């Protein structure tokens, strides 16, 4: 219903605009082309100033209305995320200054230098100095921004500290599979040919590898606050993307090509609930790469907690190898003597 309403409004706006244009043509014929031209020119020049003022007020109003609903109103939840926010603020500052200067000059010049019989247009085809300025200055700023971005990018994707927590995240249509190494802090090897979700091996882990016997599989990502974590990221079918909006990080999940990134969580989930004032707050994993019809539903949950809480959670989980073996073990045979003794008493 709302779609038809919007279409009706757009149609009405088009009809009104068309009628105004036709009326303007008739007025021009009645008043004379030259007089109508000068009048319309003054009106259009004035409207440029009105549009400038209303546009700037609208930009300020939108910022006041919606800023608190953006991620910038919340602190970055990781150390690397703070650097990403810093780069974003620099970019907004530089481009914002350029935007306001150019837009104000654009609309002001349209008003100030409107057509008049007393002014003759000045033909200004080329100026080497101006060309050099507006080519070199943007190039310098862009080089600095790109260089800063690459510096932080290499830092996020470099080798993580030795005491880092390891978490493997694998994307598949349309959910995330999560694996943790056991006490040996080593993941068991995988082989895609062994993938068999119906028998408890959704990740294709090679159970012949002893390192896999203590690996934990889960549907949530649990991280320790203040401890570096390295994410080992992959995919089983198409390209996905691990998007961690609250940590200001993302990384492609590519089939057959593991990717990694690391960061240090700064706030627990409980602390972020207090910071945001949202008792239902959760850290999320989103898929930031269109991956199919169910892309919108590919959401994961991250829990950031203390070391004690994480250890307790890990202790409550059973290694996937044990779960698979228990499911495959034959059921114990029934004891036939258990029913024969009561029957003997009846005789």
C-alpha atoms as a PDB file:
ATOM      1  CA  UNK A   1       0.000   0.000   0.000  1.00  0.00           C
ATOM      2  CA  UNK A   2       2.822   2.404   0.876  1.00  0.00           C
ATOM      3  CA  UNK A   3       4.436   1.713  -2.507  1.00  0.00           C
ATOM      4  CA  UNK A   4       1.304   2.844  -4.379  1.00  0.00           C
ATOM      5  CA  UNK A   5       1.126   5.941  -2.163  1.00  0.00           C
ATOM      6  CA  UNK A   6       4.734   6.928  -2.959  1.00  0.00           C
ATOM      7  CA  UNK A   7       4.124   6.308  -6.671  1.00  0.00           C
ATOM      8  CA  UNK A   8       1.038   8.547  -6.559  1.00  0.00           C
ATOM      9  CA  UNK A   9       3.025  11.334  -4.869  1.00  0.00           C
ATOM     10  CA  UNK A  10       5.813  11.114  -7.466  1.00  0.00           C
ATOM     11  CA  UNK A  11       3.271  11.173 -10.295  1.00  0.00           C
ATOM     12  CA  UNK A  12       1.550  14.203  -8.788  1.00  0.00           C
ATOM     13  CA  UNK A  13       4.891  15.994  -8.366  1.00  0.00           C
ATOM     14  CA  UNK A  14       5.723  15.336 -12.016  1.00  0.00           C
ATOM     15  CA  UNK A  15       2.341  16.678 -13.197  1.00  0.00           C
ATOM     16  CA  UNK A  16       2.690  19.822 -11.038  1.00  0.00           C
ATOM     17  CA  UNK A  17       6.217  20.456 -12.329  1.00  0.00           C
ATOM     18  CA  UNK A  18       5.076  19.988 -15.913  1.00  0.00           C
ATOM     19  CA  UNK A  19       2.164  22.389 -15.460  1.00  0.00           C
ATOM     20  CA  UNK A  20       4.418  25.017 -13.861  1.00  0.00           C
ATOM     21  CA  UNK A  21       6.809  24.738 -16.808  1.00  0.00           C
ATOM     22  CA  UNK A  22       3.976  25.168 -19.291  1.00  0.00           C
ATOM     23  CA  UNK A  23       2.615  28.144 -17.351  1.00  0.00           C
ATOM     24  CA  UNK A  24       6.079  29.704 -17.403  1.00  0.00           C
ATOM     25  CA  UNK A  25       6.123  29.405 -21.197  1.00  0.00           C
ATOM     26  CA  UNK A  26       2.761  31.156 -21.495  1.00  0.00           C
ATOM     27  CA  UNK A  27       3.908  33.967 -19.168  1.00  0.00           C
ATOM     28  CA  UNK A  28       7.006  34.420 -21.315  1.00  0.00           C
ATOM     29  CA  UNK A  29       4.864  34.856 -24.402  1.00  0.00           C
ATOM     30  CA  UNK A  30       2.606  37.380 -22.686  1.00  0.00           C
ATOM     31  CA  UNK A  31       5.314  39.449 -21.011  1.00  0.00           C
ATOM     32  CA  UNK A  32       7.944  39.150 -23.650  1.00  0.00           C
ATOM     33  CA  UNK A  33      10.922  36.758 -23.760  1.00  0.00           C
ATOM     34  CA  UNK A  34      13.547  39.229 -22.505  1.00  0.00           C
ATOM     35  CA  UNK A  35      11.568  40.454 -19.506  1.00  0.00           C
ATOM     36  CA  UNK A  36      10.547  36.912 -18.511  1.00  0.00           C
ATOM     37  CA  UNK A  37      14.161  35.752 -18.828  1.00  0.00           C
ATOM     38  CA  UNK A  38      15.453  38.439 -16.461  1.00  0.00           C
ATOM     39  CA  UNK A  39      12.717  37.725 -13.931  1.00  0.00           C
ATOM     40  CA  UNK A  40      13.279  33.966 -13.978  1.00  0.00           C
ATOM     41  CA  UNK A  41      17.020  34.480 -13.719  1.00  0.00           C
ATOM     42  CA  UNK A  42      16.659  36.547 -10.524  1.00  0.00           C
ATOM     43  CA  UNK A  43      14.276  33.988  -9.042  1.00  0.00           C
ATOM     44  CA  UNK A  44      16.597  31.079  -9.834  1.00  0.00           C
ATOM     45  CA  UNK A  45      19.597  32.897  -8.380  1.00  0.00           C
ATOM     46  CA  UNK A  46      17.654  33.573  -5.166  1.00  0.00           C
ATOM     47  CA  UNK A  47      16.525  29.937  -5.017  1.00  0.00           C
ATOM     48  CA  UNK A  48      20.166  28.847  -5.136  1.00  0.00           C
ATOM     49  CA  UNK A  49      20.803  30.700  -1.870  1.00  0.00           C
ATOM     50  CA  UNK A  50      17.613  29.289  -0.333  1.00  0.00           C
ATOM     51  CA  UNK A  51      18.656  25.770  -1.332  1.00  0.00           C
ATOM     52  CA  UNK A  52      22.120  26.314   0.162  1.00  0.00           C
ATOM     53  CA  UNK A  53      20.755  27.498   3.518  1.00  0.00           C
ATOM     54  CA  UNK A  54      18.057  24.826   3.723  1.00  0.00           C
ATOM     55  CA  UNK A  55      20.530  22.138   2.643  1.00  0.00           C
ATOM     56  CA  UNK A  56      23.010  23.037   5.380  1.00  0.00           C
ATOM     57  CA  UNK A  57      20.223  23.176   7.969  1.00  0.00           C
ATOM     58  CA  UNK A  58      18.983  19.783   6.741  1.00  0.00           C
ATOM     59  CA  UNK A  59      22.463  18.268   7.041  1.00  0.00           C
ATOM     60  CA  UNK A  60      22.776  19.547  10.605  1.00  0.00           C
ATOM     61  CA  UNK A  61      19.256  18.334  11.476  1.00  0.00           C
ATOM     62  CA  UNK A  62      19.907  14.833  10.082  1.00  0.00           C
ATOM     63  CA  UNK A  63      23.092  14.646  12.130  1.00  0.00           C
ATOM     64  CA  UNK A  64      21.238  15.636  15.293  1.00  0.00           C
ATOM     65  CA  UNK A  65      18.435  13.158  14.593  1.00  0.00           C
ATOM     66  CA  UNK A  66      20.405  10.085  13.559  1.00  0.00           C
ATOM     67  CA  UNK A  67      23.941  10.372  14.953  1.00  0.00           C
ATOM     68  CA  UNK A  68      23.111   8.346  18.075  1.00  0.00           C
ATOM     69  CA  UNK A  69      21.851   5.531  15.863  1.00  0.00           C
ATOM     70  CA  UNK A  70      25.193   5.200  14.083  1.00  0.00           C
ATOM     71  CA  UNK A  71      28.203   3.197  15.195  1.00  0.00           C
ATOM     72  CA  UNK A  72      30.204   6.407  15.712  1.00  0.00           C
ATOM     73  CA  UNK A  73      28.108   7.074  18.816  1.00  0.00           C
ATOM     74  CA  UNK A  74      29.490   3.842  20.315  1.00  0.00           C
ATOM     75  CA  UNK A  75      33.170   3.315  21.124  1.00  0.00           C
ATOM     76  CA  UNK A  76      35.125   0.816  19.068  1.00  0.00           C
ATOM     77  CA  UNK A  77      35.212  -2.484  20.951  1.00  0.00           C
ATOM     78  CA  UNK A  78      38.766  -3.385  19.884  1.00  0.00           C
ATOM     79  CA  UNK A  79      42.187  -1.774  19.837  1.00  0.00           C
ATOM     80  CA  UNK A  80      42.458  -1.926  16.059  1.00  0.00           C
ATOM     81  CA  UNK A  81      38.916  -0.603  15.798  1.00  0.00           C
ATOM     82  CA  UNK A  82      39.996   2.613  17.524  1.00  0.00           C
ATOM     83  CA  UNK A  83      42.542   3.161  14.748  1.00  0.00           C
ATOM     84  CA  UNK A  84      39.867   2.565  12.118  1.00  0.00           C
ATOM     85  CA  UNK A  85      37.662   5.180  13.807  1.00  0.00           C
ATOM     86  CA  UNK A  86      40.616   7.571  13.829  1.00  0.00           C
ATOM     87  CA  UNK A  87      41.106   7.109  10.073  1.00  0.00           C
ATOM     88  CA  UNK A  88      37.379   7.581   9.494  1.00  0.00           C
ATOM     89  CA  UNK A  89      37.331  10.837  11.460  1.00  0.00           C
ATOM     90  CA  UNK A  90      40.312  12.156   9.496  1.00  0.00           C
ATOM     91  CA  UNK A  91      38.579  11.254   6.222  1.00  0.00           C
ATOM     92  CA  UNK A  92      35.333  12.911   7.309  1.00  0.00           C
ATOM     93  CA  UNK A  93      37.218  16.025   8.457  1.00  0.00           C
ATOM     94  CA  UNK A  94      39.169  16.416   5.208  1.00  0.00           C
ATOM     95  CA  UNK A  95      36.289  15.653   2.861  1.00  0.00           C
ATOM     96  CA  UNK A  96      33.877  17.629   5.050  1.00  0.00           C
ATOM     97  CA  UNK A  97      35.956  20.804   4.804  1.00  0.00           C
ATOM     98  CA  UNK A  98      36.236  20.391   1.035  1.00  0.00           C
ATOM     99  CA  UNK A  99      32.498  19.685   0.756  1.00  0.00           C
ATOM    100  CA  UNK A 100      31.414  22.783   2.664  1.00  0.00           C
ATOM    101  CA  UNK A 101      33.862  25.092   0.891  1.00  0.00           C
ATOM    102  CA  UNK A 102      32.974  23.888  -2.609  1.00  0.00           C
ATOM    103  CA  UNK A 103      29.209  23.754  -2.044  1.00  0.00           C
ATOM    104  CA  UNK A 104      29.016  27.181  -0.429  1.00  0.00           C
ATOM    105  CA  UNK A 105      31.115  28.696  -3.220  1.00  0.00           C
ATOM    106  CA  UNK A 106      29.063  26.902  -5.870  1.00  0.00           C
ATOM    107  CA  UNK A 107      25.712  28.278  -4.742  1.00  0.00           C
ATOM    108  CA  UNK A 108      27.072  31.691  -3.754  1.00  0.00           C
ATOM    109  CA  UNK A 109      28.731  32.191  -7.150  1.00  0.00           C
ATOM    110  CA  UNK A 110      25.483  31.192  -8.877  1.00  0.00           C
ATOM    111  CA  UNK A 111      23.775  34.018  -6.963  1.00  0.00           C
ATOM    112  CA  UNK A 112      26.546  36.633  -7.075  1.00  0.00           C
ATOM    113  CA  UNK A 113      27.402  36.210 -10.740  1.00  0.00           C
ATOM    114  CA  UNK A 114      23.904  35.859 -12.120  1.00  0.00           C
ATOM    115  CA  UNK A 115      23.281  37.266 -15.554  1.00  0.00           C
ATOM    116  CA  UNK A 116      23.074  41.033 -15.927  1.00  0.00           C
ATOM    117  CA  UNK A 117      23.402  43.353 -18.866  1.00  0.00           C
ATOM    118  CA  UNK A 118      26.106  45.328 -17.020  1.00  0.00           C
ATOM    119  CA  UNK A 119      28.519  42.373 -16.763  1.00  0.00           C
ATOM    120  CA  UNK A 120      30.428  40.735 -19.558  1.00  0.00           C
ATOM    121  CA  UNK A 121      31.464  37.085 -19.131  1.00  0.00           C
ATOM    122  CA  UNK A 122      35.192  36.541 -18.720  1.00  0.00           C
ATOM    123  CA  UNK A 123      36.612  33.613 -20.671  1.00  0.00           C
ATOM    124  CA  UNK A 124      39.120  31.771 -18.477  1.00  0.00           C
ATOM    125  CA  UNK A 125      40.318  28.666 -20.357  1.00  0.00           C
ATOM    126  CA  UNK A 126      43.394  27.541 -18.441  1.00  0.00           C
ATOM    127  CA  UNK A 127      45.733  28.301 -15.556  1.00  0.00           C
ATOM    128  CA  UNK A 128      48.742  26.106 -14.840  1.00  0.00           C
ATOM    129  CA  UNK A 129      49.019  27.217 -11.229  1.00  0.00           C
ATOM    130  CA  UNK A 130      45.394  26.340 -10.406  1.00  0.00           C
ATOM    131  CA  UNK A 131      45.687  23.006 -12.229  1.00  0.00           C
ATOM    132  CA  UNK A 132      48.776  22.187 -10.193  1.00  0.00           C
ATOM    133  CA  UNK A 133      47.117  23.144  -6.893  1.00  0.00           C
ATOM    134  CA  UNK A 134      43.906  21.150  -7.288  1.00  0.00           C
ATOM    135  CA  UNK A 135      45.840  18.138  -8.587  1.00  0.00           C
ATOM    136  CA  UNK A 136      48.739  18.004  -6.141  1.00  0.00           C
ATOM    137  CA  UNK A 137      46.876  18.898  -2.933  1.00  0.00           C
ATOM    138  CA  UNK A 138      44.214  16.142  -3.257  1.00  0.00           C
ATOM    139  CA  UNK A 139      46.924  13.683  -4.320  1.00  0.00           C
ATOM    140  CA  UNK A 140      48.899  14.412  -1.137  1.00  0.00           C
ATOM    141  CA  UNK A 141      45.870  13.950   1.122  1.00  0.00           C
ATOM    142  CA  UNK A 142      44.789  10.745  -0.658  1.00  0.00           C
ATOM    143  CA  UNK A 143      48.325   9.347  -0.432  1.00  0.00           C
ATOM    144  CA  UNK A 144      48.407  10.016   3.308  1.00  0.00           C
ATOM    145  CA  UNK A 145      44.984   8.430   3.858  1.00  0.00           C
ATOM    146  CA  UNK A 146      45.792   5.363   1.752  1.00  0.00           C
ATOM    147  CA  UNK A 147      49.207   4.995   3.391  1.00  0.00           C
ATOM    148  CA  UNK A 148      47.683   5.198   6.870  1.00  0.00           C
ATOM    149  CA  UNK A 149      45.040   2.655   5.892  1.00  0.00           C
ATOM    150  CA  UNK A 150      47.608   0.197   4.556  1.00  0.00           C
ATOM    151  CA  UNK A 151      49.721   0.592   7.685  1.00  0.00           C
ATOM    152  CA  UNK A 152      46.805  -0.384   9.913  1.00  0.00           C
ATOM    153  CA  UNK A 153      45.716  -3.121   7.495  1.00  0.00           C
ATOM    154  CA  UNK A 154      49.118  -4.809   7.638  1.00  0.00           C
ATOM    155  CA  UNK A 155      49.015  -4.493  11.411  1.00  0.00           C
ATOM    156  CA  UNK A 156      45.633  -6.263  11.642  1.00  0.00           C
ATOM    157  CA  UNK A 157      46.664  -9.053   9.294  1.00  0.00           C
ATOM    158  CA  UNK A 158      50.188  -9.550  10.643  1.00  0.00           C
ATOM    159  CA  UNK A 159      51.216 -12.343  13.005  1.00  0.00           C
ATOM    160  CA  UNK A 160      49.272 -12.214  16.247  1.00  0.00           C
ATOM    161  CA  UNK A 161      51.035 -12.202  19.650  1.00  0.00           C
ATOM    162  CA  UNK A 162      52.168 -15.653  20.800  1.00  0.00           C
ATOM    163  CA  UNK A 163      49.714 -15.803  23.704  1.00  0.00           C
ATOM    164  CA  UNK A 164      46.723 -15.046  21.473  1.00  0.00           C
ATOM    165  CA  UNK A 165      43.495 -16.971  21.665  1.00  0.00           C
ATOM    166  CA  UNK A 166      42.713 -18.961  18.509  1.00  0.00           C
ATOM    167  CA  UNK A 167      39.233 -19.161  16.993  1.00  0.00           C
ATOM    168  CA  UNK A 168      38.316 -20.640  13.637  1.00  0.00           C
ATOM    169  CA  UNK A 169      35.261 -19.257  11.820  1.00  0.00           C
ATOM    170  CA  UNK A 170      33.931 -20.992   8.720  1.00  0.00           C
ATOM    171  CA  UNK A 171      31.121 -19.558   6.607  1.00  0.00           C
ATOM    172  CA  UNK A 172      28.585 -21.650   4.755  1.00  0.00           C
ATOM    173  CA  UNK A 173      25.189 -20.874   3.312  1.00  0.00           C
ATOM    174  CA  UNK A 174      23.762 -19.504   5.543  1.00  0.00           C
ATOM    175  CA  UNK A 175      25.420 -19.742   8.969  1.00  0.00           C
ATOM    176  CA  UNK A 176      28.768 -19.702  10.737  1.00  0.00           C
ATOM    177  CA  UNK A 177      30.663 -22.727  12.087  1.00  0.00           C
ATOM    178  CA  UNK A 178      33.008 -22.016  15.002  1.00  0.00           C
ATOM    179  CA  UNK A 179      35.884 -24.170  16.303  1.00  0.00           C
ATOM    180  CA  UNK A 180      38.276 -23.770  19.237  1.00  0.00           C
ATOM    181  CA  UNK A 181      41.522 -25.682  19.803  1.00  0.00           C
ATOM    182  CA  UNK A 182      41.785 -27.688  22.994  1.00  0.00           C
ATOM    183  CA  UNK A 183      44.529 -27.542  25.615  1.00  0.00           C
ATOM    184  CA  UNK A 184      47.208 -28.127  22.980  1.00  0.00           C
ATOM    185  CA  UNK A 185      46.122 -24.850  21.280  1.00  0.00           C
ATOM    186  CA  UNK A 186      46.429 -26.593  17.902  1.00  0.00           C
ATOM    187  CA  UNK A 187      43.618 -27.180  15.421  1.00  0.00           C
ATOM    188  CA  UNK A 188      43.217 -30.656  13.987  1.00  0.00           C
ATOM    189  CA  UNK A 189      43.659 -30.798  10.228  1.00  0.00           C
ATOM    190  CA  UNK A 190      40.669 -30.718   7.901  1.00  0.00           C
ATOM    191  CA  UNK A 191      39.852 -32.375   4.604  1.00  0.00           C
ATOM    192  CA  UNK A 192      36.841 -31.191   2.631  1.00  0.00           C
ATOM    193  CA  UNK A 193      36.250 -34.753   1.433  1.00  0.00           C
ATOM    194  CA  UNK A 194      35.431 -35.740   5.015  1.00  0.00           C
ATOM    195  CA  UNK A 195      32.663 -33.148   5.406  1.00  0.00           C
ATOM    196  CA  UNK A 196      29.563 -34.940   6.663  1.00  0.00           C
ATOM    197  CA  UNK A 197      27.197 -32.751   8.682  1.00  0.00           C
ATOM    198  CA  UNK A 198      24.702 -35.599   9.162  1.00  0.00           C
ATOM    199  CA  UNK A 199      27.325 -37.548  11.120  1.00  0.00           C
ATOM    200  CA  UNK A 200      28.597 -34.645  13.215  1.00  0.00           C
ATOM    201  CA  UNK A 201      31.509 -33.618  11.002  1.00  0.00           C
ATOM    202  CA  UNK A 202      30.236 -30.404   9.398  1.00  0.00           C
ATOM    203  CA  UNK A 203      33.772 -29.002   9.178  1.00  0.00           C
ATOM    204  CA  UNK A 204      35.392 -32.050   7.576  1.00  0.00           C
ATOM    205  CA  UNK A 205      37.837 -32.627  10.435  1.00  0.00           C
ATOM    206  CA  UNK A 206      40.243 -35.542  10.042  1.00  0.00           C
ATOM    207  CA  UNK A 207      39.695 -37.594  13.198  1.00  0.00           C
ATOM    208  CA  UNK A 208      42.908 -39.541  12.454  1.00  0.00           C
ATOM    209  CA  UNK A 209      44.823 -36.443  13.517  1.00  0.00           C
ATOM    210  CA  UNK A 210      45.324 -36.564  17.290  1.00  0.00           C
ATOM    211  CA  UNK A 211      45.304 -32.751  17.489  1.00  0.00           C
ATOM    212  CA  UNK A 212      41.604 -32.798  16.569  1.00  0.00           C
ATOM    213  CA  UNK A 213      40.519 -34.936  19.539  1.00  0.00           C
ATOM    214  CA  UNK A 214      40.199 -32.007  21.947  1.00  0.00           C
ATOM    215  CA  UNK A 215      38.834 -29.402  19.505  1.00  0.00           C
ATOM    216  CA  UNK A 216      35.578 -27.750  20.560  1.00  0.00           C
ATOM    217  CA  UNK A 217      32.845 -26.816  18.072  1.00  0.00           C
ATOM    218  CA  UNK A 218      30.107 -24.307  18.848  1.00  0.00           C
ATOM    219  CA  UNK A 219      27.595 -21.941  17.283  1.00  0.00           C
ATOM    220  CA  UNK A 220      28.791 -18.848  19.200  1.00  0.00           C
ATOM    221  CA  UNK A 221      32.121 -17.051  19.314  1.00  0.00           C
ATOM    222  CA  UNK A 222      33.401 -16.610  22.876  1.00  0.00           C
ATOM    223  CA  UNK A 223      36.305 -14.191  23.382  1.00  0.00           C
ATOM    224  CA  UNK A 224      38.257 -13.083  26.438  1.00  0.00           C
ATOM    225  CA  UNK A 225      38.308  -9.366  27.177  1.00  0.00           C
ATOM    226  CA  UNK A 226      41.768  -7.810  27.062  1.00  0.00           C
ATOM    227  CA  UNK A 227      43.334 -10.880  25.406  1.00  0.00           C
ATOM    228  CA  UNK A 228      44.459 -10.838  21.741  1.00  0.00           C
ATOM    229  CA  UNK A 229      42.488 -13.195  19.522  1.00  0.00           C
ATOM    230  CA  UNK A 230      43.431 -14.475  16.098  1.00  0.00           C
ATOM    231  CA  UNK A 231      40.594 -15.435  13.799  1.00  0.00           C
ATOM    232  CA  UNK A 232      41.263 -18.126  11.199  1.00  0.00           C
ATOM    233  CA  UNK A 233      38.596 -17.588   8.555  1.00  0.00           C
ATOM    234  CA  UNK A 234      37.390 -19.824   5.738  1.00  0.00           C
ATOM    235  CA  UNK A 235      34.336 -20.799   3.703  1.00  0.00           C
ATOM    236  CA  UNK A 236      32.843 -24.042   2.414  1.00  0.00           C
ATOM    237  CA  UNK A 237      30.836 -22.959  -0.617  1.00  0.00           C
ATOM    238  CA  UNK A 238      30.937 -19.347  -1.875  1.00  0.00           C
ATOM    239  CA  UNK A 239      32.768 -16.218  -0.756  1.00  0.00           C
ATOM    240  CA  UNK A 240      31.437 -14.837   2.523  1.00  0.00           C
ATOM    241  CA  UNK A 241      32.756 -12.018   4.690  1.00  0.00           C
ATOM    242  CA  UNK A 242      33.190 -11.923   8.452  1.00  0.00           C
ATOM    243  CA  UNK A 243      31.903  -8.475   9.386  1.00  0.00           C
ATOM    244  CA  UNK A 244      32.529  -7.358  12.973  1.00  0.00           C
ATOM    245  CA  UNK A 245      30.894  -3.954  13.032  1.00  0.00           C
ATOM    246  CA  UNK A 246      31.376  -3.239  16.731  1.00  0.00           C
ATOM    247  CA  UNK A 247      35.071  -4.124  16.439  1.00  0.00           C
ATOM    248  CA  UNK A 248      35.328  -2.093  13.181  1.00  0.00           C
ATOM    249  CA  UNK A 249      36.866  -5.041  11.331  1.00  0.00           C
ATOM    250  CA  UNK A 250      36.039  -7.377   8.462  1.00  0.00           C
ATOM    251  CA  UNK A 251      37.711 -10.097   6.438  1.00  0.00           C
ATOM    252  CA  UNK A 252      36.702 -12.138   3.407  1.00  0.00           C
ATOM    253  CA  UNK A 253      35.992 -15.846   3.911  1.00  0.00           C
ATOM    254  CA  UNK A 254      37.244 -17.555   0.755  1.00  0.00           C
ATOM    255  CA  UNK A 255      36.807 -21.271  -0.069  1.00  0.00           C
ATOM    256  CA  UNK A 256      40.149 -23.053  -0.007  1.00  0.00           C
ATOM    257  CA  UNK A 257      42.156 -19.978   1.070  1.00  0.00           C
ATOM    258  CA  UNK A 258      42.244 -19.373   4.844  1.00  0.00           C
ATOM    259  CA  UNK A 259      42.503 -15.715   5.860  1.00  0.00           C
ATOM    260  CA  UNK A 260      43.436 -14.324   9.261  1.00  0.00           C
ATOM    261  CA  UNK A 261      43.181 -11.174  11.329  1.00  0.00           C
ATOM    262  CA  UNK A 262      43.686 -10.391  14.990  1.00  0.00           C
ATOM    263  CA  UNK A 263      42.568  -7.833  17.538  1.00  0.00           C
ATOM    264  CA  UNK A 264      42.101  -7.362  21.269  1.00  0.00           C
ATOM    265  CA  UNK A 265      38.528  -6.978  22.627  1.00  0.00           C
ATOM    266  CA  UNK A 266      38.223  -3.988  24.963  1.00  0.00           C
ATOM    267  CA  UNK A 267      34.808  -4.395  26.572  1.00  0.00           C
ATOM    268  CA  UNK A 268      32.821  -7.390  27.723  1.00  0.00           C
ATOM    269  CA  UNK A 269      29.283  -7.839  26.495  1.00  0.00           C
ATOM    270  CA  UNK A 270      28.026  -6.775  29.936  1.00  0.00           C
ATOM    271  CA  UNK A 271      30.111  -3.572  29.795  1.00  0.00           C
ATOM    272  CA  UNK A 272      28.803  -2.703  26.331  1.00  0.00           C
ATOM    273  CA  UNK A 273      25.244  -3.093  27.589  1.00  0.00           C
ATOM    274  CA  UNK A 274      26.012  -0.373  30.145  1.00  0.00           C
ATOM    275  CA  UNK A 275      27.856   1.835  27.644  1.00  0.00           C
ATOM    276  CA  UNK A 276      25.093   1.684  25.044  1.00  0.00           C
ATOM    277  CA  UNK A 277      22.249   1.686  27.549  1.00  0.00           C
ATOM    278  CA  UNK A 278      20.801  -1.303  25.689  1.00  0.00           C
ATOM    279  CA  UNK A 279      20.127  -4.297  27.918  1.00  0.00           C
ATOM    280  CA  UNK A 280      19.642  -6.473  24.808  1.00  0.00           C
ATOM    281  CA  UNK A 281      22.979  -5.545  23.235  1.00  0.00           C
ATOM    282  CA  UNK A 282      24.976  -8.351  21.591  1.00  0.00           C
ATOM    283  CA  UNK A 283      28.128  -8.374  19.515  1.00  0.00           C
ATOM    284  CA  UNK A 284      27.303  -9.699  16.059  1.00  0.00           C
ATOM    285  CA  UNK A 285      28.963 -11.352  13.098  1.00  0.00           C
ATOM    286  CA  UNK A 286      27.366 -10.340   9.830  1.00  0.00           C
ATOM    287  CA  UNK A 287      28.119 -11.582   6.340  1.00  0.00           C
ATOM    288  CA  UNK A 288      29.272  -8.500   4.441  1.00  0.00           C
ATOM    289  CA  UNK A 289      29.390 -10.232   1.056  1.00  0.00           C
ATOM    290  CA  UNK A 290      26.273 -11.088  -0.942  1.00  0.00           C
ATOM    291  CA  UNK A 291      26.266 -14.891  -0.814  1.00  0.00           C
ATOM    292  CA  UNK A 292      22.815 -16.025  -1.917  1.00  0.00           C
ATOM    293  CA  UNK A 293      19.116 -15.850  -1.180  1.00  0.00           C
ATOM    294  CA  UNK A 294      19.594 -16.331   2.571  1.00  0.00           C
ATOM    295  CA  UNK A 295      22.370 -13.749   2.910  1.00  0.00           C
ATOM    296  CA  UNK A 296      20.207 -11.497   5.107  1.00  0.00           C
ATOM    297  CA  UNK A 297      19.876 -14.224   7.752  1.00  0.00           C
ATOM    298  CA  UNK A 298      23.581 -15.056   8.062  1.00  0.00           C
ATOM    299  CA  UNK A 299      24.113 -13.728  11.553  1.00  0.00           C
ATOM    300  CA  UNK A 300      26.366 -14.941  14.345  1.00  0.00           C
ATOM    301  CA  UNK A 301      26.736 -13.976  17.991  1.00  0.00           C
ATOM    302  CA  UNK A 302      29.949 -13.034  19.819  1.00  0.00           C
ATOM    303  CA  UNK A 303      30.218 -13.161  23.594  1.00  0.00           C
ATOM    304  CA  UNK A 304      33.081 -11.199  25.172  1.00  0.00           C
ATOM    305  CA  UNK A 305      33.669 -12.251  28.766  1.00  0.00           C
ATOM    306  CA  UNK A 306      36.292 -12.563  31.472  1.00  0.00           C
ATOM    307  CA  UNK A 307      38.910 -15.318  31.484  1.00  0.00           C
ATOM    308  CA  UNK A 308      37.104 -17.103  34.319  1.00  0.00           C
ATOM    309  CA  UNK A 309      33.806 -17.053  32.449  1.00  0.00           C
ATOM    310  CA  UNK A 310      35.466 -18.309  29.291  1.00  0.00           C
ATOM    311  CA  UNK A 311      37.223 -21.151  31.110  1.00  0.00           C
ATOM    312  CA  UNK A 312      33.941 -22.194  32.712  1.00  0.00           C
ATOM    313  CA  UNK A 313      32.216 -22.158  29.317  1.00  0.00           C
ATOM    314  CA  UNK A 314      34.970 -24.240  27.720  1.00  0.00           C
ATOM    315  CA  UNK A 315      34.834 -26.723  30.594  1.00  0.00           C
ATOM    316  CA  UNK A 316      31.114 -27.204  29.942  1.00  0.00           C
ATOM    317  CA  UNK A 317      31.714 -28.139  26.290  1.00  0.00           C
ATOM    318  CA  UNK A 318      32.516 -31.617  25.043  1.00  0.00           C
ATOM    319  CA  UNK A 319      35.107 -32.137  22.268  1.00  0.00           C
ATOM    320  CA  UNK A 320      33.437 -32.850  18.946  1.00  0.00           C
ATOM    321  CA  UNK A 321      35.532 -35.994  18.497  1.00  0.00           C
ATOM    322  CA  UNK A 322      34.042 -37.431  21.694  1.00  0.00           C
ATOM    323  CA  UNK A 323      30.523 -36.463  20.636  1.00  0.00           C
ATOM    324  CA  UNK A 324      30.932 -38.165  17.257  1.00  0.00           C
ATOM    325  CA  UNK A 325      32.396 -41.336  18.771  1.00  0.00           C
ATOM    326  CA  UNK A 326      29.639 -41.578  21.358  1.00  0.00           C
ATOM    327  CA  UNK A 327      26.990 -41.187  18.664  1.00  0.00           C
ATOM    328  CA  UNK A 328      28.629 -43.883  16.543  1.00  0.00           C
ATOM    329  CA  UNK A 329      29.050 -46.389  19.418  1.00  0.00           C
ATOM    330  CA  UNK A 330      26.526 -49.293  19.339  1.00  0.00           C
ATOM    331  CA  UNK A 331      23.829 -49.323  22.005  1.00  0.00           C
ATOM    332  CA  UNK A 332      24.434 -51.827  24.858  1.00  0.00           C
ATOM    333  CA  UNK A 333      22.565 -55.141  24.440  1.00  0.00           C
ATOM    334  CA  UNK A 334      19.593 -55.802  26.715  1.00  0.00           C
ATOM    335  CA  UNK A 335      20.133 -58.282  29.586  1.00  0.00           C
ATOM    336  CA  UNK A 336      17.806 -61.283  28.957  1.00  0.00           C
ATOM    337  CA  UNK A 337      18.166 -62.585  32.528  1.00  0.00           C
ATOM    338  CA  UNK A 338      16.551 -59.459  33.892  1.00  0.00           C
ATOM    339  CA  UNK A 339      13.071 -60.679  32.886  1.00  0.00           C
ATOM    340  CA  UNK A 340      13.548 -64.431  33.419  1.00  0.00           C
ATOM    341  CA  UNK A 341      13.803 -64.309  37.219  1.00  0.00           C
ATOM    342  CA  UNK A 342      10.350 -62.740  37.852  1.00  0.00           C
ATOM    343  CA  UNK A 343       8.820 -65.297  35.492  1.00  0.00           C
ATOM    344  CA  UNK A 344      10.383 -68.144  37.505  1.00  0.00           C
ATOM    345  CA  UNK A 345       8.740 -66.794  40.663  1.00  0.00           C
ATOM    346  CA  UNK A 346       5.354 -66.805  38.985  1.00  0.00           C
ATOM    347  CA  UNK A 347       5.739 -70.537  38.244  1.00  0.00           C
END
